[in-house]
């Protein structure tokens, strides 16, 4: 199976029990925080930046990976909150016992991580985040995942994956590539990328369907969104793609015109800041 972005049943029960407090934080944040499920781990995001990769381990502990830019110098950097600490050169790796979870991820510490994120340049990450927050808890569309990849895509990553309502509890995949209007990839590269992702999901539709029906179910049980209200959904074909363009109208318009000339069937949505 090329994609498996959900927890095993045992790990899911652990995470559901041990992170009730974190699910509540995400739900009450209006999209500022996001919990994204991967293969037997999850990432906690703030404004599009990961402030923790959290992975359940066999010895009833959790491994937490966090970038030093967001962790070093915070009050969470204290041995009383973790069993061990090391670095792999890029991330700080912490081992936390179950009883450490809430003290480590207390609101005061998370606020410190978030304040460090605010110093980062946002660009397309910020635009992507605004799309997520503005489409939270809608019945017609669910942005179910971000930065999507699988074993065959390797390092290639789709920006956002949405589920678009067809009827009742039935949804279809809508793949979203997000670019600012000043991005030179709008000249054609983004269309090739999106076309490749759409064809890939079509070729592996049953695997993606199984993955994201379970992914939806686990996010729903974690209480990460209120709408839609159905506990289970069914995902059906066809698979669609859309390019989302933000701002920079003077630069974006000629690029979009060229894109549509070369790819006449491509769907493009342009958001502007015009008054």
C-alpha atoms as a PDB file:
ATOM      1  CA  UNK A   1       0.000   0.000   0.000  1.00  0.00           C
ATOM      2  CA  UNK A   2       1.744   3.241  -1.102  1.00  0.00           C
ATOM      3  CA  UNK A   3      -0.030   5.464   1.449  1.00  0.00           C
ATOM      4  CA  UNK A   4      -0.869   4.766   5.074  1.00  0.00           C
ATOM      5  CA  UNK A   5      -1.600   7.980   6.944  1.00  0.00           C
ATOM      6  CA  UNK A   6      -3.451   6.642   9.957  1.00  0.00           C
ATOM      7  CA  UNK A   7      -2.761   4.945  13.288  1.00  0.00           C
ATOM      8  CA  UNK A   8      -2.896   1.228  13.960  1.00  0.00           C
ATOM      9  CA  UNK A   9      -5.890   0.415  16.164  1.00  0.00           C
ATOM     10  CA  UNK A  10      -3.726   0.030  19.301  1.00  0.00           C
ATOM     11  CA  UNK A  11      -1.803   3.259  18.757  1.00  0.00           C
ATOM     12  CA  UNK A  12      -4.975   5.142  17.950  1.00  0.00           C
ATOM     13  CA  UNK A  13      -6.563   4.121  21.275  1.00  0.00           C
ATOM     14  CA  UNK A  14      -3.402   5.302  23.058  1.00  0.00           C
ATOM     15  CA  UNK A  15      -3.303   8.648  21.292  1.00  0.00           C
ATOM     16  CA  UNK A  16      -7.032   9.201  21.761  1.00  0.00           C
ATOM     17  CA  UNK A  17      -6.676   8.559  25.499  1.00  0.00           C
ATOM     18  CA  UNK A  18      -3.366  10.363  26.112  1.00  0.00           C
ATOM     19  CA  UNK A  19      -3.954  13.507  24.015  1.00  0.00           C
ATOM     20  CA  UNK A  20      -7.522  14.530  24.857  1.00  0.00           C
ATOM     21  CA  UNK A  21      -6.145  17.830  26.136  1.00  0.00           C
ATOM     22  CA  UNK A  22      -4.335  18.516  22.850  1.00  0.00           C
ATOM     23  CA  UNK A  23      -7.381  17.675  20.717  1.00  0.00           C
ATOM     24  CA  UNK A  24      -9.359  20.246  22.696  1.00  0.00           C
ATOM     25  CA  UNK A  25      -6.679  22.880  22.067  1.00  0.00           C
ATOM     26  CA  UNK A  26      -6.741  22.214  18.313  1.00  0.00           C
ATOM     27  CA  UNK A  27     -10.538  22.290  18.127  1.00  0.00           C
ATOM     28  CA  UNK A  28     -10.763  25.606  19.997  1.00  0.00           C
ATOM     29  CA  UNK A  29      -8.012  27.339  17.997  1.00  0.00           C
ATOM     30  CA  UNK A  30     -10.110  28.076  14.859  1.00  0.00           C
ATOM     31  CA  UNK A  31      -7.475  26.418  12.693  1.00  0.00           C
ATOM     32  CA  UNK A  32      -4.395  28.159  14.093  1.00  0.00           C
ATOM     33  CA  UNK A  33      -3.268  24.770  15.433  1.00  0.00           C
ATOM     34  CA  UNK A  34      -3.604  21.592  13.406  1.00  0.00           C
ATOM     35  CA  UNK A  35      -3.033  17.942  14.244  1.00  0.00           C
ATOM     36  CA  UNK A  36      -2.068  16.001  11.121  1.00  0.00           C
ATOM     37  CA  UNK A  37      -2.075  12.201  11.255  1.00  0.00           C
ATOM     38  CA  UNK A  38       0.758  10.355   9.533  1.00  0.00           C
ATOM     39  CA  UNK A  39       1.726   6.660   9.616  1.00  0.00           C
ATOM     40  CA  UNK A  40       1.506   5.859  13.345  1.00  0.00           C
ATOM     41  CA  UNK A  41       2.523   9.358  14.404  1.00  0.00           C
ATOM     42  CA  UNK A  42       1.181  12.877  14.136  1.00  0.00           C
ATOM     43  CA  UNK A  43       2.487  16.390  13.628  1.00  0.00           C
ATOM     44  CA  UNK A  44       1.280  19.342  15.655  1.00  0.00           C
ATOM     45  CA  UNK A  45       1.259  22.449  13.460  1.00  0.00           C
ATOM     46  CA  UNK A  46       0.990  26.109  14.324  1.00  0.00           C
ATOM     47  CA  UNK A  47       0.312  28.456  11.401  1.00  0.00           C
ATOM     48  CA  UNK A  48       1.650  25.822   8.996  1.00  0.00           C
ATOM     49  CA  UNK A  49       4.885  25.075  10.888  1.00  0.00           C
ATOM     50  CA  UNK A  50       5.406  21.775  12.691  1.00  0.00           C
ATOM     51  CA  UNK A  51       6.083  22.362  16.394  1.00  0.00           C
ATOM     52  CA  UNK A  52       6.263  18.666  17.174  1.00  0.00           C
ATOM     53  CA  UNK A  53       6.342  15.253  15.568  1.00  0.00           C
ATOM     54  CA  UNK A  54       4.836  12.905  18.164  1.00  0.00           C
ATOM     55  CA  UNK A  55       5.279   9.151  17.809  1.00  0.00           C
ATOM     56  CA  UNK A  56       4.047   6.443  20.242  1.00  0.00           C
ATOM     57  CA  UNK A  57       6.742   3.882  21.080  1.00  0.00           C
ATOM     58  CA  UNK A  58       6.437   0.285  22.308  1.00  0.00           C
ATOM     59  CA  UNK A  59       7.691   0.994  25.827  1.00  0.00           C
ATOM     60  CA  UNK A  60       4.662   3.214  26.564  1.00  0.00           C
ATOM     61  CA  UNK A  61       6.664   6.344  25.902  1.00  0.00           C
ATOM     62  CA  UNK A  62       6.459   8.904  23.110  1.00  0.00           C
ATOM     63  CA  UNK A  63       9.224  10.291  20.941  1.00  0.00           C
ATOM     64  CA  UNK A  64       8.882  13.998  20.220  1.00  0.00           C
ATOM     65  CA  UNK A  65      10.933  15.674  17.489  1.00  0.00           C
ATOM     66  CA  UNK A  66      10.983  19.477  17.397  1.00  0.00           C
ATOM     67  CA  UNK A  67      13.126  22.006  15.559  1.00  0.00           C
ATOM     68  CA  UNK A  68      15.586  23.800  17.879  1.00  0.00           C
ATOM     69  CA  UNK A  69      14.381  27.163  16.514  1.00  0.00           C
ATOM     70  CA  UNK A  70      11.044  26.506  18.212  1.00  0.00           C
ATOM     71  CA  UNK A  71      12.297  24.666  21.319  1.00  0.00           C
ATOM     72  CA  UNK A  72      15.667  25.950  22.522  1.00  0.00           C
ATOM     73  CA  UNK A  73      15.423  28.543  25.262  1.00  0.00           C
ATOM     74  CA  UNK A  74      11.801  27.747  26.163  1.00  0.00           C
ATOM     75  CA  UNK A  75      10.675  26.654  29.622  1.00  0.00           C
ATOM     76  CA  UNK A  76       9.851  23.246  28.129  1.00  0.00           C
ATOM     77  CA  UNK A  77      13.619  22.697  27.743  1.00  0.00           C
ATOM     78  CA  UNK A  78      13.848  21.261  31.251  1.00  0.00           C
ATOM     79  CA  UNK A  79      14.707  17.626  32.172  1.00  0.00           C
ATOM     80  CA  UNK A  80      11.703  17.416  34.493  1.00  0.00           C
ATOM     81  CA  UNK A  81       9.480  17.288  31.391  1.00  0.00           C
ATOM     82  CA  UNK A  82      11.215  14.418  29.539  1.00  0.00           C
ATOM     83  CA  UNK A  83      13.186  11.200  30.114  1.00  0.00           C
ATOM     84  CA  UNK A  84      15.955  11.922  27.614  1.00  0.00           C
ATOM     85  CA  UNK A  85      17.100  14.505  25.099  1.00  0.00           C
ATOM     86  CA  UNK A  86      19.397  14.268  22.086  1.00  0.00           C
ATOM     87  CA  UNK A  87      19.932  15.870  18.686  1.00  0.00           C
ATOM     88  CA  UNK A  88      20.113  14.274  15.252  1.00  0.00           C
ATOM     89  CA  UNK A  89      21.662  17.408  13.761  1.00  0.00           C
ATOM     90  CA  UNK A  90      18.388  18.844  12.528  1.00  0.00           C
ATOM     91  CA  UNK A  91      15.880  18.211  15.313  1.00  0.00           C
ATOM     92  CA  UNK A  92      15.817  17.902  19.078  1.00  0.00           C
ATOM     93  CA  UNK A  93      14.633  14.372  19.950  1.00  0.00           C
ATOM     94  CA  UNK A  94      12.887  13.934  23.297  1.00  0.00           C
ATOM     95  CA  UNK A  95      11.585  10.824  25.018  1.00  0.00           C
ATOM     96  CA  UNK A  96       8.470  11.474  27.105  1.00  0.00           C
ATOM     97  CA  UNK A  97       6.632   9.128  29.461  1.00  0.00           C
ATOM     98  CA  UNK A  98       2.842   9.266  29.341  1.00  0.00           C
ATOM     99  CA  UNK A  99       2.747  11.330  32.538  1.00  0.00           C
ATOM    100  CA  UNK A 100       5.061  13.902  30.898  1.00  0.00           C
ATOM    101  CA  UNK A 101       2.713  14.633  27.980  1.00  0.00           C
ATOM    102  CA  UNK A 102       0.374  17.189  29.500  1.00  0.00           C
ATOM    103  CA  UNK A 103       3.097  18.982  31.524  1.00  0.00           C
ATOM    104  CA  UNK A 104       5.320  19.202  28.423  1.00  0.00           C
ATOM    105  CA  UNK A 105       2.530  20.291  26.063  1.00  0.00           C
ATOM    106  CA  UNK A 106       0.965  22.658  28.575  1.00  0.00           C
ATOM    107  CA  UNK A 107      -0.519  25.818  27.100  1.00  0.00           C
ATOM    108  CA  UNK A 108       2.338  27.986  28.428  1.00  0.00           C
ATOM    109  CA  UNK A 109       4.931  25.917  26.565  1.00  0.00           C
ATOM    110  CA  UNK A 110       2.887  25.691  23.372  1.00  0.00           C
ATOM    111  CA  UNK A 111       2.509  29.478  23.452  1.00  0.00           C
ATOM    112  CA  UNK A 112       6.292  29.780  23.635  1.00  0.00           C
ATOM    113  CA  UNK A 113       6.733  27.482  20.616  1.00  0.00           C
ATOM    114  CA  UNK A 114       4.089  29.521  18.775  1.00  0.00           C
ATOM    115  CA  UNK A 115       5.780  32.836  19.582  1.00  0.00           C
ATOM    116  CA  UNK A 116       8.962  31.541  17.942  1.00  0.00           C
ATOM    117  CA  UNK A 117       6.987  30.456  14.853  1.00  0.00           C
ATOM    118  CA  UNK A 118       5.720  34.022  14.495  1.00  0.00           C
ATOM    119  CA  UNK A 119       9.301  35.151  13.820  1.00  0.00           C
ATOM    120  CA  UNK A 120       9.480  32.941  10.725  1.00  0.00           C
ATOM    121  CA  UNK A 121       8.688  34.260   7.247  1.00  0.00           C
ATOM    122  CA  UNK A 122       5.337  32.835   6.173  1.00  0.00           C
ATOM    123  CA  UNK A 123       4.958  33.360   2.375  1.00  0.00           C
ATOM    124  CA  UNK A 124       3.128  30.461   0.775  1.00  0.00           C
ATOM    125  CA  UNK A 125       2.949  28.635   4.105  1.00  0.00           C
ATOM    126  CA  UNK A 126       0.921  31.542   5.478  1.00  0.00           C
ATOM    127  CA  UNK A 127      -1.352  31.571   2.424  1.00  0.00           C
ATOM    128  CA  UNK A 128      -1.855  27.813   2.691  1.00  0.00           C
ATOM    129  CA  UNK A 129      -2.693  28.236   6.376  1.00  0.00           C
ATOM    130  CA  UNK A 130      -5.342  30.879   5.610  1.00  0.00           C
ATOM    131  CA  UNK A 131      -7.024  28.433   3.204  1.00  0.00           C
ATOM    132  CA  UNK A 132      -7.137  25.824   5.951  1.00  0.00           C
ATOM    133  CA  UNK A 133      -8.578  28.156   8.568  1.00  0.00           C
ATOM    134  CA  UNK A 134     -11.188  29.674   6.251  1.00  0.00           C
ATOM    135  CA  UNK A 135     -12.505  26.239   5.271  1.00  0.00           C
ATOM    136  CA  UNK A 136     -12.715  24.736   8.742  1.00  0.00           C
ATOM    137  CA  UNK A 137     -15.954  23.022   9.815  1.00  0.00           C
ATOM    138  CA  UNK A 138     -17.737  23.270   6.465  1.00  0.00           C
ATOM    139  CA  UNK A 139     -20.190  20.648   5.256  1.00  0.00           C
ATOM    140  CA  UNK A 140     -19.294  20.938   1.578  1.00  0.00           C
ATOM    141  CA  UNK A 141     -15.514  20.534   1.766  1.00  0.00           C
ATOM    142  CA  UNK A 142     -12.989  19.123   4.221  1.00  0.00           C
ATOM    143  CA  UNK A 143      -9.287  19.911   3.917  1.00  0.00           C
ATOM    144  CA  UNK A 144      -8.281  16.569   5.354  1.00  0.00           C
ATOM    145  CA  UNK A 145      -4.481  16.609   5.034  1.00  0.00           C
ATOM    146  CA  UNK A 146      -1.436  18.693   4.174  1.00  0.00           C
ATOM    147  CA  UNK A 147       2.004  17.940   2.705  1.00  0.00           C
ATOM    148  CA  UNK A 148       0.872  14.598   1.283  1.00  0.00           C
ATOM    149  CA  UNK A 149       3.343  12.009   0.049  1.00  0.00           C
ATOM    150  CA  UNK A 150       3.648   8.241  -0.162  1.00  0.00           C
ATOM    151  CA  UNK A 151       6.247   5.551  -0.815  1.00  0.00           C
ATOM    152  CA  UNK A 152       6.120   6.047  -4.590  1.00  0.00           C
ATOM    153  CA  UNK A 153       6.068   9.850  -4.582  1.00  0.00           C
ATOM    154  CA  UNK A 154       9.139   9.806  -2.324  1.00  0.00           C
ATOM    155  CA  UNK A 155      10.179  13.423  -1.704  1.00  0.00           C
ATOM    156  CA  UNK A 156       7.395  14.976  -3.801  1.00  0.00           C
ATOM    157  CA  UNK A 157       4.577  16.457  -1.717  1.00  0.00           C
ATOM    158  CA  UNK A 158       1.108  17.686  -2.609  1.00  0.00           C
ATOM    159  CA  UNK A 159       0.270  20.883  -0.712  1.00  0.00           C
ATOM    160  CA  UNK A 160      -3.303  20.135   0.410  1.00  0.00           C
ATOM    161  CA  UNK A 161      -5.785  17.297   0.017  1.00  0.00           C
ATOM    162  CA  UNK A 162      -9.472  18.153   0.229  1.00  0.00           C
ATOM    163  CA  UNK A 163     -12.605  16.028   0.270  1.00  0.00           C
ATOM    164  CA  UNK A 164     -15.384  17.694  -1.720  1.00  0.00           C
ATOM    165  CA  UNK A 165     -18.946  16.681  -0.897  1.00  0.00           C
ATOM    166  CA  UNK A 166     -20.857  14.922  -3.681  1.00  0.00           C
ATOM    167  CA  UNK A 167     -24.016  14.021  -1.784  1.00  0.00           C
ATOM    168  CA  UNK A 168     -24.885  13.019   1.774  1.00  0.00           C
ATOM    169  CA  UNK A 169     -21.842  11.292   3.285  1.00  0.00           C
ATOM    170  CA  UNK A 170     -20.165  10.811  -0.103  1.00  0.00           C
ATOM    171  CA  UNK A 171     -17.079  12.838  -1.043  1.00  0.00           C
ATOM    172  CA  UNK A 172     -14.485  12.966  -3.823  1.00  0.00           C
ATOM    173  CA  UNK A 173     -10.806  13.878  -3.734  1.00  0.00           C
ATOM    174  CA  UNK A 174      -9.789  17.415  -4.690  1.00  0.00           C
ATOM    175  CA  UNK A 175      -6.018  17.890  -4.883  1.00  0.00           C
ATOM    176  CA  UNK A 176      -4.815  21.440  -4.238  1.00  0.00           C
ATOM    177  CA  UNK A 177      -1.515  23.046  -5.188  1.00  0.00           C
ATOM    178  CA  UNK A 178      -1.044  26.434  -3.508  1.00  0.00           C
ATOM    179  CA  UNK A 179       1.121  29.186  -5.021  1.00  0.00           C
ATOM    180  CA  UNK A 180       1.537  32.911  -4.516  1.00  0.00           C
ATOM    181  CA  UNK A 181       1.052  34.979  -7.658  1.00  0.00           C
ATOM    182  CA  UNK A 182       4.752  35.904  -7.827  1.00  0.00           C
ATOM    183  CA  UNK A 183       5.904  32.267  -7.936  1.00  0.00           C
ATOM    184  CA  UNK A 184       7.623  31.455 -11.248  1.00  0.00           C
ATOM    185  CA  UNK A 185       6.281  27.876 -11.060  1.00  0.00           C
ATOM    186  CA  UNK A 186       2.965  29.327 -12.253  1.00  0.00           C
ATOM    187  CA  UNK A 187       4.497  29.453 -15.733  1.00  0.00           C
ATOM    188  CA  UNK A 188       3.885  25.736 -16.095  1.00  0.00           C
ATOM    189  CA  UNK A 189       5.722  23.697 -13.492  1.00  0.00           C
ATOM    190  CA  UNK A 190       2.796  23.714 -11.041  1.00  0.00           C
ATOM    191  CA  UNK A 191       0.412  22.344 -13.683  1.00  0.00           C
ATOM    192  CA  UNK A 192       2.798  19.459 -14.406  1.00  0.00           C
ATOM    193  CA  UNK A 193       3.069  18.774 -10.688  1.00  0.00           C
ATOM    194  CA  UNK A 194      -0.686  18.793 -10.160  1.00  0.00           C
ATOM    195  CA  UNK A 195      -1.341  16.650 -13.230  1.00  0.00           C
ATOM    196  CA  UNK A 196       1.176  14.138 -11.925  1.00  0.00           C
ATOM    197  CA  UNK A 197      -0.457  14.012  -8.495  1.00  0.00           C
ATOM    198  CA  UNK A 198      -3.957  13.595  -9.955  1.00  0.00           C
ATOM    199  CA  UNK A 199      -2.842  10.740 -12.220  1.00  0.00           C
ATOM    200  CA  UNK A 200      -1.012   9.122  -9.309  1.00  0.00           C
ATOM    201  CA  UNK A 201      -4.086   9.172  -7.044  1.00  0.00           C
ATOM    202  CA  UNK A 202      -6.239   7.862  -9.907  1.00  0.00           C
ATOM    203  CA  UNK A 203      -3.829   4.957 -10.352  1.00  0.00           C
ATOM    204  CA  UNK A 204      -3.941   4.195  -6.620  1.00  0.00           C
ATOM    205  CA  UNK A 205      -7.513   5.251  -5.965  1.00  0.00           C
ATOM    206  CA  UNK A 206      -8.538   2.262  -3.831  1.00  0.00           C
ATOM    207  CA  UNK A 207      -5.482   2.670  -1.571  1.00  0.00           C
ATOM    208  CA  UNK A 208      -6.111   6.412  -1.145  1.00  0.00           C
ATOM    209  CA  UNK A 209      -9.822   5.762  -0.571  1.00  0.00           C
ATOM    210  CA  UNK A 210      -9.090   3.221   2.191  1.00  0.00           C
ATOM    211  CA  UNK A 211      -6.448   5.465   3.750  1.00  0.00           C
ATOM    212  CA  UNK A 212      -8.516   8.638   3.915  1.00  0.00           C
ATOM    213  CA  UNK A 213     -11.789   7.045   4.937  1.00  0.00           C
ATOM    214  CA  UNK A 214      -9.880   5.739   7.981  1.00  0.00           C
ATOM    215  CA  UNK A 215      -7.970   9.036   8.345  1.00  0.00           C
ATOM    216  CA  UNK A 216     -11.296  10.908   8.454  1.00  0.00           C
ATOM    217  CA  UNK A 217     -12.723   8.466  11.007  1.00  0.00           C
ATOM    218  CA  UNK A 218      -9.737   8.866  13.333  1.00  0.00           C
ATOM    219  CA  UNK A 219      -9.725  12.660  13.110  1.00  0.00           C
ATOM    220  CA  UNK A 220     -13.466  12.662  13.772  1.00  0.00           C
ATOM    221  CA  UNK A 221     -13.074  10.442  16.846  1.00  0.00           C
ATOM    222  CA  UNK A 222     -10.286  12.704  18.117  1.00  0.00           C
ATOM    223  CA  UNK A 223     -12.764  15.588  17.952  1.00  0.00           C
ATOM    224  CA  UNK A 224     -10.665  17.681  15.585  1.00  0.00           C
ATOM    225  CA  UNK A 225     -13.625  19.076  13.623  1.00  0.00           C
ATOM    226  CA  UNK A 226     -17.361  19.491  14.180  1.00  0.00           C
ATOM    227  CA  UNK A 227     -18.624  19.461  10.605  1.00  0.00           C
ATOM    228  CA  UNK A 228     -19.510  17.373   8.771  1.00  0.00           C
ATOM    229  CA  UNK A 229     -21.254  15.539  11.603  1.00  0.00           C
ATOM    230  CA  UNK A 230     -21.191  12.032  10.079  1.00  0.00           C
ATOM    231  CA  UNK A 231     -18.841   9.593  11.804  1.00  0.00           C
ATOM    232  CA  UNK A 232     -17.991   7.801   8.555  1.00  0.00           C
ATOM    233  CA  UNK A 233     -17.763   8.898   4.938  1.00  0.00           C
ATOM    234  CA  UNK A 234     -17.383   7.218   1.568  1.00  0.00           C
ATOM    235  CA  UNK A 235     -14.911   8.519  -1.021  1.00  0.00           C
ATOM    236  CA  UNK A 236     -15.793   8.026  -4.686  1.00  0.00           C
ATOM    237  CA  UNK A 237     -14.320   8.915  -8.060  1.00  0.00           C
ATOM    238  CA  UNK A 238     -13.531  11.126  -9.974  1.00  0.00           C
ATOM    239  CA  UNK A 239     -10.297  12.655  -8.683  1.00  0.00           C
ATOM    240  CA  UNK A 240      -9.999  16.395  -9.310  1.00  0.00           C
ATOM    241  CA  UNK A 241      -7.234  18.968  -9.043  1.00  0.00           C
ATOM    242  CA  UNK A 242      -7.130  22.725  -8.566  1.00  0.00           C
ATOM    243  CA  UNK A 243      -4.407  25.361  -8.439  1.00  0.00           C
ATOM    244  CA  UNK A 244      -4.965  28.033  -5.787  1.00  0.00           C
ATOM    245  CA  UNK A 245      -3.195  31.336  -6.497  1.00  0.00           C
ATOM    246  CA  UNK A 246      -2.831  34.137  -3.979  1.00  0.00           C
ATOM    247  CA  UNK A 247      -2.353  37.853  -4.636  1.00  0.00           C
ATOM    248  CA  UNK A 248       0.235  39.628  -6.819  1.00  0.00           C
ATOM    249  CA  UNK A 249      -2.347  40.196  -9.555  1.00  0.00           C
ATOM    250  CA  UNK A 250      -0.071  42.063 -11.990  1.00  0.00           C
ATOM    251  CA  UNK A 251       2.404  39.181 -11.971  1.00  0.00           C
ATOM    252  CA  UNK A 252      -0.156  36.401 -11.610  1.00  0.00           C
ATOM    253  CA  UNK A 253      -2.570  37.305 -14.447  1.00  0.00           C
ATOM    254  CA  UNK A 254      -0.157  36.778 -17.380  1.00  0.00           C
ATOM    255  CA  UNK A 255       1.121  33.535 -15.814  1.00  0.00           C
ATOM    256  CA  UNK A 256      -2.426  32.235 -15.323  1.00  0.00           C
ATOM    257  CA  UNK A 257      -3.291  33.208 -18.915  1.00  0.00           C
ATOM    258  CA  UNK A 258      -0.292  31.247 -20.204  1.00  0.00           C
ATOM    259  CA  UNK A 259      -1.164  28.276 -18.010  1.00  0.00           C
ATOM    260  CA  UNK A 260      -4.732  28.148 -19.315  1.00  0.00           C
ATOM    261  CA  UNK A 261      -3.513  28.366 -22.914  1.00  0.00           C
ATOM    262  CA  UNK A 262      -1.275  25.331 -22.454  1.00  0.00           C
ATOM    263  CA  UNK A 263      -3.610  23.474 -20.060  1.00  0.00           C
ATOM    264  CA  UNK A 264      -7.131  24.565 -21.096  1.00  0.00           C
ATOM    265  CA  UNK A 265      -8.865  22.094 -18.763  1.00  0.00           C
ATOM    266  CA  UNK A 266      -6.975  23.075 -15.644  1.00  0.00           C
ATOM    267  CA  UNK A 267      -8.976  24.613 -12.796  1.00  0.00           C
ATOM    268  CA  UNK A 268      -7.396  27.725 -11.278  1.00  0.00           C
ATOM    269  CA  UNK A 269      -8.758  29.887  -8.465  1.00  0.00           C
ATOM    270  CA  UNK A 270      -7.113  33.272  -7.849  1.00  0.00           C
ATOM    271  CA  UNK A 271      -7.581  35.193  -4.618  1.00  0.00           C
ATOM    272  CA  UNK A 272      -6.682  38.884  -4.658  1.00  0.00           C
ATOM    273  CA  UNK A 273      -6.376  41.619  -2.077  1.00  0.00           C
ATOM    274  CA  UNK A 274      -7.964  44.255  -4.311  1.00  0.00           C
ATOM    275  CA  UNK A 275     -10.170  46.748  -2.466  1.00  0.00           C
END
